[in-house]
Amino acid sequence: MRSQSPTHLLAAEISLHFYHSKGSTKFVRNVELPFAPQPGLDFIDELLGEFRIEHVAWSLQTESFYLQSRYDGRHWLLRDAVRKLKKFGWEELKELREAGHHEEIPSNLRKLSDS
């Protein structure tokens, strides 16, 4: 059950460093939040499930929040990730694609649903 709609929503852009089966890339998604986000905030995405925000910044120029996170999608092929995430409002930043296997994905990076 939802409570009353907030009168003021805050613009935010989520930047997701996405590790896939053959490298990594970045996806972004614009959202509106009813509160100011903090590092450690967990988001529940329709496709990705739960992921945690690691860094939050406020842009004086755009008057919006920038949120950064990482996601372990090594079980995904890049083309499948791009196709599926686009349907859920995520946009890939192709210029930030990196090829190659990432042997040392940070140890704290795992889907929360796996814990």
Protein backbone atom coordinates (compact mmCIF):
# COMPACT_ATOMS: atom_id res chain seq x y z
CA MET A 1 0.00 0.00 0.00
CA ARG A 2 1.36 3.42 -0.95
CA SER A 3 1.10 6.50 1.17
CA GLN A 4 0.16 9.88 -0.21
CA SER A 5 2.34 11.14 -3.05
CA PRO A 6 5.14 13.43 -1.90
CA THR A 7 4.76 17.05 -2.90
CA HIS A 8 8.40 17.42 -3.96
CA LEU A 9 10.49 14.79 -5.75
CA LEU A 10 14.29 14.98 -6.11
CA ALA A 11 15.89 14.17 -9.44
CA ALA A 12 18.64 11.55 -9.43
CA GLU A 13 20.73 9.69 -11.97
CA ILE A 14 21.90 6.19 -11.08
CA SER A 15 25.23 5.21 -12.63
CA LEU A 16 25.73 1.44 -12.53
CA HIS A 17 29.15 -0.08 -13.22
CA PHE A 18 28.02 -3.41 -14.67
CA TYR A 19 30.43 -6.37 -14.75
CA HIS A 20 29.33 -8.83 -17.45
CA SER A 21 30.74 -12.11 -18.77
CA LYS A 22 33.45 -10.49 -20.93
CA GLY A 23 34.22 -7.16 -19.30
CA SER A 24 32.32 -4.20 -17.92
CA THR A 25 30.24 -1.23 -19.00
CA LYS A 26 28.17 1.56 -17.45
CA PHE A 27 24.42 1.95 -17.46
CA VAL A 28 22.49 5.01 -16.30
CA ARG A 29 18.87 5.50 -15.30
CA ASN A 30 17.06 8.66 -14.23
CA VAL A 31 14.73 8.42 -11.26
CA GLU A 32 12.85 10.72 -8.91
CA LEU A 33 13.10 10.19 -5.16
CA PRO A 34 10.86 11.43 -2.34
CA PHE A 35 13.92 11.88 -0.08
CA ALA A 36 17.64 12.68 -0.23
CA PRO A 37 19.60 9.46 -0.87
CA GLN A 38 22.53 8.29 1.24
CA PRO A 39 25.32 5.77 0.54
CA GLY A 40 24.17 2.32 1.58
CA LEU A 41 20.66 2.81 0.23
CA ASP A 42 19.37 -0.40 -1.36
CA PHE A 43 17.39 -0.14 -4.59
CA ILE A 44 15.12 -2.88 -5.83
CA ASP A 45 15.09 -2.95 -9.62
CA GLU A 46 12.50 -4.87 -11.66
CA LEU A 47 15.22 -6.76 -13.55
CA LEU A 48 18.39 -6.57 -11.47
CA GLY A 49 16.87 -7.20 -8.08
CA GLU A 50 18.58 -5.47 -5.13
CA PHE A 51 21.72 -3.41 -5.42
CA ARG A 52 23.36 -0.95 -3.03
CA ILE A 53 24.29 2.68 -3.68
CA GLU A 54 27.96 3.24 -2.83
CA HIS A 55 28.44 6.94 -3.58
CA VAL A 56 26.11 9.96 -3.61
CA ALA A 57 26.88 13.45 -4.90
CA TRP A 58 24.77 16.57 -5.40
CA SER A 59 25.26 18.61 -8.58
CA LEU A 60 24.92 22.34 -8.01
CA GLN A 61 24.66 22.87 -11.76
CA THR A 62 21.81 20.45 -12.49
CA GLU A 63 20.33 20.49 -8.98
CA SER A 64 20.13 16.71 -8.93
CA PHE A 65 21.76 13.75 -7.23
CA TYR A 66 24.27 11.40 -8.84
CA LEU A 67 24.26 7.89 -7.40
CA GLN A 68 26.93 5.27 -8.13
CA SER A 69 26.79 1.53 -7.71
CA ARG A 70 28.30 -1.68 -9.08
CA TYR A 71 26.57 -4.87 -10.16
CA ASP A 72 27.91 -8.38 -10.65
CA GLY A 73 26.29 -9.53 -13.89
CA ARG A 74 29.04 -11.96 -14.93
CA HIS A 75 26.37 -14.54 -15.73
CA TRP A 76 25.03 -12.18 -18.46
CA LEU A 77 26.23 -11.68 -22.01
CA LEU A 78 26.59 -7.98 -22.83
CA ARG A 79 24.10 -8.03 -25.72
CA ASP A 80 21.46 -9.63 -23.48
CA ALA A 81 22.10 -7.15 -20.68
CA VAL A 82 21.83 -4.14 -23.03
CA ARG A 83 18.61 -5.43 -24.60
CA LYS A 84 16.92 -6.32 -21.32
CA LEU A 85 18.04 -3.31 -19.29
CA LYS A 86 16.91 -0.90 -22.02
CA LYS A 87 13.35 -2.23 -21.60
CA PHE A 88 13.51 -1.23 -17.92
CA GLY A 89 14.75 2.33 -18.47
CA TRP A 90 18.53 1.80 -18.33
CA GLU A 91 20.79 3.32 -21.01
CA GLU A 92 24.26 1.98 -21.72
CA LEU A 93 27.15 4.45 -22.02
CA LYS A 94 28.89 2.58 -24.85
CA GLU A 95 31.98 4.78 -24.70
CA LEU A 96 32.72 3.32 -21.25
CA ARG A 97 32.78 -0.34 -22.32
CA GLU A 98 35.86 -2.25 -21.20
CA ALA A 99 36.75 -5.63 -22.68
CA GLY A 100 38.47 -8.41 -20.82
CA HIS A 101 37.81 -10.46 -17.75
CA HIS A 102 37.91 -8.76 -14.40
CA GLU A 103 39.58 -11.25 -12.13
CA GLU A 104 39.37 -8.98 -9.11
CA ILE A 105 35.81 -7.83 -8.84
CA PRO A 106 35.58 -6.23 -5.39
CA SER A 107 34.80 -8.81 -2.72
CA ASN A 108 31.88 -6.78 -1.39
CA LEU A 109 30.22 -6.84 -4.81
CA ARG A 110 27.47 -9.38 -4.93
CA LYS A 111 23.76 -9.35 -5.39
CA LEU A 112 22.09 -8.86 -2.03
CA SER A 113 19.66 -11.65 -2.84
CA ASP A 114 22.62 -14.09 -2.79
CA SER A 115 23.38 -13.30 0.87
